[in-house]
């Protein structure tokens, strides 16, 4: 996806019936002028209700460092923070609840064969 200088890009996914007569919004992504995903939302109930949405924060190196996930009532449900090694490779994703308590983390291992 090519970014256009100074412009946001919104990508909407629509679900449709097999005959194509009915459609509803299913998923929306918003990218900044650098091509980075900054917002995302998922809809349910035939597009009538927001199921969840996320907002992303990046560091100066262009790596996502935090994702805040909101529930259908627009309240924070979880926060994910990302850690990188000196080569810029994501090594851990820390998962926090809405109160800021660490619930778990995922450790990433990369194996080249």
Protein backbone atom coordinates (compact mmCIF):
# COMPACT_ATOMS: atom_id res chain seq x y z
CA UNK A 1 0.00 0.00 0.00
CA UNK A 2 1.57 3.27 -1.07
CA UNK A 3 1.25 6.19 1.33
CA UNK A 4 0.40 9.58 -0.06
CA UNK A 5 2.23 12.49 1.53
CA UNK A 6 0.11 14.28 4.11
CA UNK A 7 -2.93 12.02 3.68
CA UNK A 8 -4.62 9.46 5.87
CA UNK A 9 -5.88 6.27 4.26
CA UNK A 10 -9.06 4.58 5.45
CA UNK A 11 -9.72 0.98 4.37
CA UNK A 12 -13.26 -0.32 4.86
CA UNK A 13 -14.17 -4.01 4.63
CA UNK A 14 -17.76 -4.81 3.77
CA UNK A 15 -19.60 -8.10 4.13
CA UNK A 16 -22.23 -8.84 1.52
CA UNK A 17 -24.93 -11.38 0.93
CA UNK A 18 -24.22 -13.89 -1.87
CA UNK A 19 -26.55 -12.03 -4.22
CA UNK A 20 -24.78 -8.72 -3.49
CA UNK A 21 -28.02 -6.94 -2.61
CA UNK A 22 -27.15 -6.29 1.03
CA UNK A 23 -23.89 -5.14 2.54
CA UNK A 24 -22.70 -3.94 5.92
CA UNK A 25 -19.50 -2.60 7.41
CA UNK A 26 -17.33 -5.27 9.03
CA UNK A 27 -13.87 -3.82 9.64
CA UNK A 28 -12.17 -0.41 9.27
CA UNK A 29 -8.46 0.43 9.30
CA UNK A 30 -6.91 3.91 9.24
CA UNK A 31 -3.29 4.46 8.19
CA UNK A 32 -1.23 7.62 8.69
CA UNK A 33 0.77 9.39 6.00
CA UNK A 34 3.71 7.03 6.72
CA UNK A 35 1.57 3.97 5.96
CA UNK A 36 1.38 2.94 9.63
CA UNK A 37 -1.84 1.46 11.01
CA UNK A 38 -3.05 3.96 13.62
CA UNK A 39 -6.70 2.94 14.18
CA UNK A 40 -8.69 -0.22 13.67
CA UNK A 41 -12.31 -1.16 14.39
CA UNK A 42 -14.41 -4.32 14.13
CA UNK A 43 -18.20 -4.31 13.82
CA UNK A 44 -20.79 -6.98 14.61
CA UNK A 45 -24.52 -7.50 14.31
CA UNK A 46 -24.52 -6.76 10.58
CA UNK A 47 -22.49 -3.58 11.04
CA UNK A 48 -24.85 -2.06 13.60
CA UNK A 49 -22.56 -2.26 16.62
CA UNK A 50 -18.92 -1.60 17.30
CA UNK A 51 -17.36 -4.76 18.76
CA UNK A 52 -13.90 -3.34 19.53
CA UNK A 53 -11.46 -0.74 18.33
CA UNK A 54 -7.70 -0.22 18.70
CA UNK A 55 -5.32 2.73 18.52
CA UNK A 56 -1.60 2.29 17.84
CA UNK A 57 1.42 4.37 18.90
CA UNK A 58 4.83 4.24 17.18
CA UNK A 59 8.35 5.20 18.21
CA UNK A 60 10.80 7.28 16.13
CA UNK A 61 12.05 4.10 14.43
CA UNK A 62 8.55 3.44 13.10
CA UNK A 63 7.89 0.44 15.36
CA UNK A 64 4.56 -0.02 17.08
CA UNK A 65 5.21 0.36 20.81
CA UNK A 66 1.66 0.36 22.17
CA UNK A 67 -1.82 -0.76 21.21
CA UNK A 68 -4.81 0.37 23.26
CA UNK A 69 -7.92 -1.78 22.76
CA UNK A 70 -11.38 -0.39 23.54
CA UNK A 71 -14.54 -2.42 24.02
CA UNK A 72 -17.98 -1.83 22.53
CA UNK A 73 -18.69 0.84 25.18
CA UNK A 74 -15.54 2.77 24.20
CA UNK A 75 -13.80 1.84 27.47
CA UNK A 76 -10.20 0.59 27.57
CA UNK A 77 -10.26 -3.19 27.80
CA UNK A 78 -6.54 -3.90 27.42
CA UNK A 79 -3.21 -2.37 26.54
CA UNK A 80 -0.44 -4.13 24.66
CA UNK A 81 3.14 -2.88 24.76
CA UNK A 82 5.87 -4.09 22.42
CA UNK A 83 9.61 -4.46 23.10
CA UNK A 84 12.38 -4.69 20.48
CA UNK A 85 15.98 -5.83 20.54
CA UNK A 86 18.96 -3.78 19.30
CA UNK A 87 18.35 -5.05 15.74
CA UNK A 88 14.80 -3.69 15.80
CA UNK A 89 13.12 -7.09 16.04
CA UNK A 90 10.04 -7.42 18.26
CA UNK A 91 10.95 -9.71 21.15
CA UNK A 92 8.02 -9.33 23.57
CA UNK A 93 4.42 -8.20 23.70
CA UNK A 94 3.23 -7.34 27.20
CA UNK A 95 -0.52 -7.59 27.87
CA UNK A 96 -2.07 -5.30 30.49
CA UNK A 97 -5.65 -5.12 31.71
CA UNK A 98 -7.68 -1.90 31.80
CA UNK A 99 -6.28 -1.08 35.27
CA UNK A 100 -2.67 -1.28 34.09
CA UNK A 101 -1.90 -4.64 35.69
CA UNK A 102 0.31 -6.97 33.66
CA UNK A 103 -1.71 -10.09 32.78
CA UNK A 104 0.75 -11.93 30.58
CA UNK A 105 3.33 -11.50 27.91
CA UNK A 106 4.33 -13.22 24.71
CA UNK A 107 7.97 -13.91 24.03
CA UNK A 108 8.95 -14.16 20.36
CA UNK A 109 11.71 -16.44 19.12
CA UNK A 110 12.96 -16.30 15.55
CA UNK A 111 14.65 -19.36 14.06
CA UNK A 112 16.30 -19.33 10.65
CA UNK A 113 16.90 -22.69 9.01
